[in-house]
N, C-alpha and C. Protein backbone atom coordinates (compact mmCIF):
# COMPACT_ATOMS: atom_id res chain seq x y z
N MET A 1 3.43 -8.23 7.57
CA MET A 1 3.92 -8.30 6.21
C MET A 1 4.21 -9.74 5.84
N ARG A 2 3.89 -10.10 4.61
CA ARG A 2 4.16 -11.43 4.07
C ARG A 2 5.62 -11.49 3.63
N GLN A 3 6.28 -12.62 3.85
CA GLN A 3 7.65 -12.77 3.39
C GLN A 3 7.82 -14.11 2.68
N LEU A 4 8.84 -14.19 1.86
CA LEU A 4 9.13 -15.42 1.15
C LEU A 4 9.51 -16.52 2.14
N LYS A 5 9.12 -17.73 1.86
CA LYS A 5 9.45 -18.86 2.73
C LYS A 5 10.92 -19.25 2.62
N LEU A 6 11.59 -18.81 1.53
CA LEU A 6 12.99 -19.17 1.34
C LEU A 6 13.90 -18.52 2.37
N ILE A 7 13.50 -17.39 2.92
CA ILE A 7 14.34 -16.67 3.86
C ILE A 7 13.52 -16.45 5.14
N PRO A 8 13.39 -17.49 5.96
CA PRO A 8 12.57 -17.32 7.15
C PRO A 8 13.23 -16.36 8.14
N MET A 9 12.41 -15.50 8.74
CA MET A 9 12.91 -14.57 9.74
C MET A 9 11.76 -14.28 10.70
N SER A 10 12.03 -14.39 11.96
CA SER A 10 10.99 -14.11 12.95
C SER A 10 10.79 -12.60 13.06
N ASP A 11 9.63 -12.22 13.58
CA ASP A 11 9.36 -10.79 13.77
C ASP A 11 10.40 -10.18 14.71
N GLY A 12 10.82 -10.93 15.73
CA GLY A 12 11.84 -10.43 16.65
C GLY A 12 13.15 -10.12 15.96
N GLU A 13 13.51 -10.94 14.97
CA GLU A 13 14.75 -10.68 14.23
C GLU A 13 14.63 -9.41 13.39
N LYS A 14 13.43 -9.14 12.85
CA LYS A 14 13.20 -7.93 12.06
C LYS A 14 13.36 -6.68 12.92
N GLY A 15 13.16 -6.83 14.21
CA GLY A 15 13.26 -5.69 15.13
C GLY A 15 14.68 -5.25 15.42
N LYS A 16 15.66 -5.97 14.93
CA LYS A 16 17.06 -5.61 15.17
C LYS A 16 17.56 -4.71 14.04
N PRO A 17 18.14 -3.54 14.37
CA PRO A 17 18.68 -2.66 13.32
C PRO A 17 19.65 -3.43 12.42
N GLY A 18 19.52 -3.21 11.12
CA GLY A 18 20.35 -3.89 10.14
C GLY A 18 19.73 -5.15 9.56
N ALA A 19 18.65 -5.64 10.17
CA ALA A 19 17.99 -6.85 9.67
C ALA A 19 17.46 -6.62 8.26
N GLN A 20 17.56 -7.64 7.41
CA GLN A 20 17.03 -7.56 6.05
C GLN A 20 16.20 -8.81 5.77
N TRP A 21 15.11 -8.64 5.01
CA TRP A 21 14.22 -9.74 4.65
C TRP A 21 13.52 -9.40 3.35
N TRP A 22 12.81 -10.38 2.82
CA TRP A 22 12.08 -10.19 1.57
C TRP A 22 10.58 -10.26 1.84
N ASP A 23 9.83 -9.41 1.16
CA ASP A 23 8.37 -9.44 1.18
C ASP A 23 7.93 -9.40 -0.28
N GLY A 24 7.66 -10.56 -0.85
CA GLY A 24 7.32 -10.63 -2.27
C GLY A 24 8.49 -10.14 -3.11
N ALA A 25 8.26 -9.13 -3.95
CA ALA A 25 9.30 -8.59 -4.83
C ALA A 25 10.17 -7.53 -4.15
N TYR A 26 9.90 -7.24 -2.88
CA TYR A 26 10.62 -6.17 -2.19
C TYR A 26 11.63 -6.69 -1.19
N GLN A 27 12.85 -6.15 -1.25
CA GLN A 27 13.84 -6.38 -0.22
C GLN A 27 13.58 -5.31 0.85
N CYS A 28 13.46 -5.74 2.08
CA CYS A 28 13.12 -4.83 3.17
C CYS A 28 14.26 -4.81 4.18
N ARG A 29 14.32 -3.73 4.97
CA ARG A 29 15.33 -3.69 6.02
C ARG A 29 14.88 -2.80 7.18
N ASN A 30 15.53 -3.04 8.30
CA ASN A 30 15.40 -2.20 9.48
C ASN A 30 16.59 -1.26 9.44
N PHE A 31 16.34 -0.02 9.09
CA PHE A 31 17.40 0.99 8.98
C PHE A 31 17.34 1.88 10.21
N GLU A 32 18.17 1.56 11.20
CA GLU A 32 18.24 2.34 12.43
C GLU A 32 16.86 2.50 13.07
N GLY A 33 16.04 1.43 12.99
CA GLY A 33 14.71 1.45 13.60
C GLY A 33 13.60 1.90 12.67
N TYR A 34 13.91 2.22 11.42
CA TYR A 34 12.91 2.63 10.43
C TYR A 34 12.83 1.61 9.32
N PHE A 35 11.62 1.42 8.77
CA PHE A 35 11.39 0.47 7.70
C PHE A 35 11.74 1.11 6.35
N GLN A 36 12.52 0.39 5.55
CA GLN A 36 12.83 0.80 4.19
C GLN A 36 12.68 -0.41 3.27
N LYS A 37 12.46 -0.13 1.98
CA LYS A 37 12.35 -1.22 1.01
C LYS A 37 12.90 -0.76 -0.33
N ARG A 38 13.16 -1.73 -1.18
CA ARG A 38 13.53 -1.47 -2.58
C ARG A 38 13.07 -2.65 -3.41
N LYS A 39 12.60 -2.33 -4.60
CA LYS A 39 12.02 -3.36 -5.46
C LYS A 39 13.10 -4.25 -6.06
N GLN A 40 12.90 -5.54 -5.93
CA GLN A 40 13.79 -6.57 -6.47
C GLN A 40 15.23 -6.42 -6.00
N GLY A 41 15.42 -5.78 -4.85
CA GLY A 41 16.76 -5.67 -4.28
C GLY A 41 17.68 -4.73 -5.02
N ARG A 42 17.10 -3.85 -5.85
CA ARG A 42 17.93 -2.92 -6.64
C ARG A 42 17.48 -1.49 -6.39
N GLY A 43 18.38 -0.56 -6.66
CA GLY A 43 18.05 0.85 -6.52
C GLY A 43 18.21 1.33 -5.09
N PRO A 44 17.88 2.61 -4.88
CA PRO A 44 18.04 3.16 -3.53
C PRO A 44 17.00 2.62 -2.56
N TRP A 45 17.38 2.52 -1.31
CA TRP A 45 16.44 2.16 -0.26
C TRP A 45 15.47 3.32 -0.08
N LYS A 46 14.18 3.00 0.16
CA LYS A 46 13.17 4.04 0.26
C LYS A 46 12.31 3.86 1.51
N PHE A 47 11.99 4.99 2.13
CA PHE A 47 11.01 5.01 3.21
C PHE A 47 9.64 5.01 2.56
N ASP A 48 8.67 4.35 3.17
CA ASP A 48 7.28 4.42 2.73
C ASP A 48 6.63 5.63 3.37
N ILE A 49 6.10 6.55 2.58
CA ILE A 49 5.34 7.67 3.11
C ILE A 49 3.87 7.25 3.11
N GLU A 50 3.30 7.12 4.28
CA GLU A 50 1.93 6.63 4.40
C GLU A 50 0.90 7.75 4.46
N GLY A 51 1.34 8.97 4.47
CA GLY A 51 0.40 10.09 4.49
C GLY A 51 1.10 11.35 4.93
N VAL A 52 0.40 12.44 4.82
CA VAL A 52 0.92 13.73 5.29
C VAL A 52 0.00 14.22 6.40
N GLY A 53 0.58 15.01 7.30
CA GLY A 53 -0.20 15.57 8.38
C GLY A 53 -1.10 16.68 7.87
N PHE A 54 -2.13 16.96 8.64
CA PHE A 54 -3.04 18.04 8.26
C PHE A 54 -2.33 19.39 8.27
N ASP A 55 -1.17 19.45 8.96
CA ASP A 55 -0.43 20.70 9.02
C ASP A 55 0.33 20.99 7.72
N GLY A 56 0.45 19.99 6.84
CA GLY A 56 1.14 20.18 5.56
C GLY A 56 2.65 20.18 5.66
N ILE A 57 3.20 20.04 6.87
CA ILE A 57 4.66 20.06 7.03
C ILE A 57 5.17 18.78 7.71
N SER A 58 4.37 17.74 7.70
CA SER A 58 4.80 16.48 8.28
C SER A 58 4.29 15.32 7.43
N ALA A 59 5.00 14.21 7.55
CA ALA A 59 4.63 12.98 6.83
C ALA A 59 4.72 11.83 7.82
N TYR A 60 4.15 10.70 7.44
CA TYR A 60 4.17 9.51 8.29
C TYR A 60 4.99 8.41 7.61
N VAL A 61 5.99 7.92 8.34
CA VAL A 61 6.81 6.79 7.89
C VAL A 61 6.65 5.66 8.90
N TYR A 62 7.14 4.47 8.53
CA TYR A 62 7.05 3.33 9.44
C TYR A 62 8.33 3.17 10.24
N ARG A 63 8.16 2.95 11.54
CA ARG A 63 9.25 2.52 12.43
C ARG A 63 9.11 1.02 12.61
N VAL A 64 10.23 0.35 12.84
CA VAL A 64 10.21 -1.07 13.16
C VAL A 64 10.43 -1.18 14.66
N ARG A 65 9.41 -1.67 15.36
CA ARG A 65 9.53 -1.83 16.81
C ARG A 65 10.46 -3.00 17.13
N GLU A 66 10.88 -3.11 18.38
CA GLU A 66 11.77 -4.19 18.79
C GLU A 66 11.17 -5.57 18.57
N ASP A 67 9.82 -5.65 18.61
CA ASP A 67 9.17 -6.94 18.38
C ASP A 67 8.97 -7.22 16.88
N GLY A 68 9.47 -6.32 16.01
CA GLY A 68 9.39 -6.52 14.56
C GLY A 68 8.14 -5.96 13.91
N GLU A 69 7.19 -5.51 14.70
CA GLU A 69 5.96 -4.93 14.16
C GLU A 69 6.23 -3.50 13.67
N LEU A 70 5.43 -3.06 12.70
CA LEU A 70 5.58 -1.71 12.16
C LEU A 70 4.57 -0.78 12.82
N GLU A 71 5.01 0.47 13.04
CA GLU A 71 4.11 1.51 13.53
C GLU A 71 4.45 2.81 12.83
N GLU A 72 3.45 3.64 12.66
CA GLU A 72 3.66 4.92 11.98
C GLU A 72 4.31 5.92 12.92
N GLU A 73 5.15 6.77 12.34
CA GLU A 73 5.76 7.87 13.10
C GLU A 73 5.70 9.13 12.24
N LYS A 74 5.36 10.23 12.86
CA LYS A 74 5.28 11.51 12.17
C LYS A 74 6.68 12.12 12.09
N VAL A 75 7.08 12.52 10.88
CA VAL A 75 8.38 13.17 10.67
C VAL A 75 8.16 14.45 9.87
N PRO A 76 9.07 15.43 10.02
CA PRO A 76 8.92 16.68 9.27
C PRO A 76 9.18 16.48 7.77
N ILE A 77 8.49 17.26 6.96
CA ILE A 77 8.75 17.32 5.53
C ILE A 77 8.87 18.81 5.17
N ASP A 78 9.94 19.16 4.47
CA ASP A 78 10.18 20.58 4.21
C ASP A 78 9.64 21.01 2.84
N ASP A 79 9.84 22.28 2.52
CA ASP A 79 9.29 22.83 1.26
C ASP A 79 10.02 22.31 0.03
N GLN A 80 11.11 21.55 0.22
CA GLN A 80 11.80 20.90 -0.90
C GLN A 80 11.45 19.41 -0.96
N ASP A 81 10.38 19.02 -0.27
CA ASP A 81 9.89 17.63 -0.24
C ASP A 81 10.91 16.66 0.33
N ARG A 82 11.70 17.12 1.29
CA ARG A 82 12.64 16.24 1.99
C ARG A 82 12.05 15.90 3.35
N ILE A 83 12.15 14.61 3.70
CA ILE A 83 11.74 14.20 5.04
C ILE A 83 12.97 14.19 5.93
N THR A 84 12.76 14.37 7.21
CA THR A 84 13.86 14.31 8.18
C THR A 84 13.64 13.10 9.07
N VAL A 85 14.60 12.17 9.03
CA VAL A 85 14.56 10.95 9.83
C VAL A 85 15.88 10.86 10.58
N ASN A 86 15.79 10.72 11.91
CA ASN A 86 16.99 10.66 12.76
C ASN A 86 17.93 11.83 12.51
N GLY A 87 17.38 13.01 12.26
CA GLY A 87 18.18 14.21 12.08
C GLY A 87 18.78 14.37 10.69
N ARG A 88 18.55 13.41 9.78
CA ARG A 88 19.08 13.51 8.42
C ARG A 88 17.94 13.73 7.44
N LYS A 89 18.20 14.51 6.40
CA LYS A 89 17.20 14.82 5.39
C LYS A 89 17.33 13.86 4.20
N TYR A 90 16.17 13.41 3.70
CA TYR A 90 16.12 12.49 2.57
C TYR A 90 15.18 13.05 1.51
N GLY A 91 15.71 13.21 0.29
CA GLY A 91 14.92 13.71 -0.82
C GLY A 91 14.01 12.64 -1.40
N SER A 92 13.28 13.03 -2.43
CA SER A 92 12.25 12.15 -3.00
C SER A 92 12.81 10.86 -3.61
N LYS A 93 14.10 10.78 -3.91
CA LYS A 93 14.66 9.52 -4.41
C LYS A 93 14.76 8.48 -3.29
N ASN A 94 14.61 8.92 -2.04
CA ASN A 94 14.71 8.01 -0.90
C ASN A 94 13.40 7.81 -0.15
N TRP A 95 12.29 8.17 -0.77
CA TRP A 95 10.99 7.84 -0.18
C TRP A 95 10.00 7.59 -1.29
N GLU A 96 9.00 6.82 -0.94
CA GLU A 96 8.00 6.42 -1.92
C GLU A 96 6.61 6.66 -1.35
N PRO A 97 5.82 7.49 -2.02
CA PRO A 97 4.48 7.76 -1.49
C PRO A 97 3.52 6.61 -1.77
N CYS A 98 2.64 6.38 -0.81
CA CYS A 98 1.54 5.45 -1.07
C CYS A 98 0.42 6.26 -1.74
N ILE A 99 -0.63 5.63 -2.16
CA ILE A 99 -1.69 6.29 -2.91
C ILE A 99 -2.37 7.40 -2.09
N GLU A 100 -2.53 7.19 -0.76
CA GLU A 100 -3.16 8.22 0.06
C GLU A 100 -2.34 9.51 0.05
N PHE A 101 -1.00 9.36 0.09
CA PHE A 101 -0.13 10.54 0.07
C PHE A 101 -0.32 11.29 -1.25
N PHE A 102 -0.36 10.56 -2.34
CA PHE A 102 -0.54 11.19 -3.64
C PHE A 102 -1.86 11.96 -3.71
N VAL A 103 -2.93 11.33 -3.24
CA VAL A 103 -4.25 11.98 -3.28
C VAL A 103 -4.25 13.23 -2.42
N GLN A 104 -3.67 13.16 -1.22
CA GLN A 104 -3.62 14.33 -0.34
C GLN A 104 -2.81 15.45 -0.98
N SER A 105 -1.67 15.11 -1.59
CA SER A 105 -0.83 16.13 -2.22
C SER A 105 -1.53 16.77 -3.42
N VAL A 106 -2.20 15.95 -4.21
CA VAL A 106 -2.94 16.47 -5.36
C VAL A 106 -4.00 17.45 -4.88
N SER A 107 -4.77 17.07 -3.88
CA SER A 107 -5.84 17.94 -3.37
C SER A 107 -5.27 19.25 -2.87
N LYS A 108 -4.20 19.18 -2.09
CA LYS A 108 -3.59 20.38 -1.52
C LYS A 108 -3.08 21.30 -2.62
N ASN A 109 -2.38 20.74 -3.61
CA ASN A 109 -1.80 21.54 -4.68
C ASN A 109 -2.86 22.12 -5.60
N LEU A 110 -3.89 21.37 -5.88
CA LEU A 110 -4.94 21.89 -6.75
C LEU A 110 -5.68 23.07 -6.12
N LEU A 111 -5.82 23.04 -4.81
CA LEU A 111 -6.47 24.15 -4.13
C LEU A 111 -5.62 25.41 -4.20
N ARG A 112 -4.31 25.25 -4.07
CA ARG A 112 -3.40 26.40 -4.10
C ARG A 112 -3.16 26.90 -5.51
N ASP A 113 -2.77 25.97 -6.39
CA ASP A 113 -2.39 26.36 -7.75
C ASP A 113 -2.49 25.13 -8.65
N PRO A 114 -3.48 25.05 -9.50
CA PRO A 114 -3.64 23.85 -10.35
C PRO A 114 -2.42 23.52 -11.19
N LYS A 115 -1.63 24.51 -11.58
CA LYS A 115 -0.44 24.25 -12.42
C LYS A 115 0.71 23.65 -11.60
N ALA A 116 0.70 23.85 -10.28
CA ALA A 116 1.80 23.38 -9.43
C ALA A 116 1.85 21.85 -9.37
N LEU A 117 0.73 21.21 -9.54
CA LEU A 117 0.66 19.76 -9.44
C LEU A 117 1.65 19.07 -10.38
N PHE A 118 1.73 19.50 -11.60
CA PHE A 118 2.55 18.79 -12.58
C PHE A 118 4.03 19.04 -12.39
N GLY A 119 4.41 20.07 -11.69
CA GLY A 119 5.81 20.30 -11.40
C GLY A 119 6.32 19.46 -10.25
N ARG A 120 5.42 19.00 -9.37
CA ARG A 120 5.86 18.28 -8.18
C ARG A 120 6.05 16.80 -8.43
N PHE A 121 5.22 16.19 -9.26
CA PHE A 121 5.33 14.73 -9.44
C PHE A 121 5.79 14.39 -10.83
């Protein structure tokens, strides 16, 4: 990830829980080993959802490894669109889908019920 030069931080420092840094317009943090961000340092912290599992009941979020690198981890997602991270549930105000997640969700919902799509997003 690219970060602003004004706030230098090594990848190793990002690997420590509680670390915070900037990547362009996003304030980022290591939240108990998971990557979260918020735009311009305002609003709720959000997990990045990078996709859903083929099983339809799991999603992929980023973990921050000890060396500061990001890796995907599969987490459960329930029928109320809440993800479970470290045993706690987070609703849609605390996660942000990437475009692949949106496309997968659209495809899945259109196959089941075309009208359901507009109620979910």
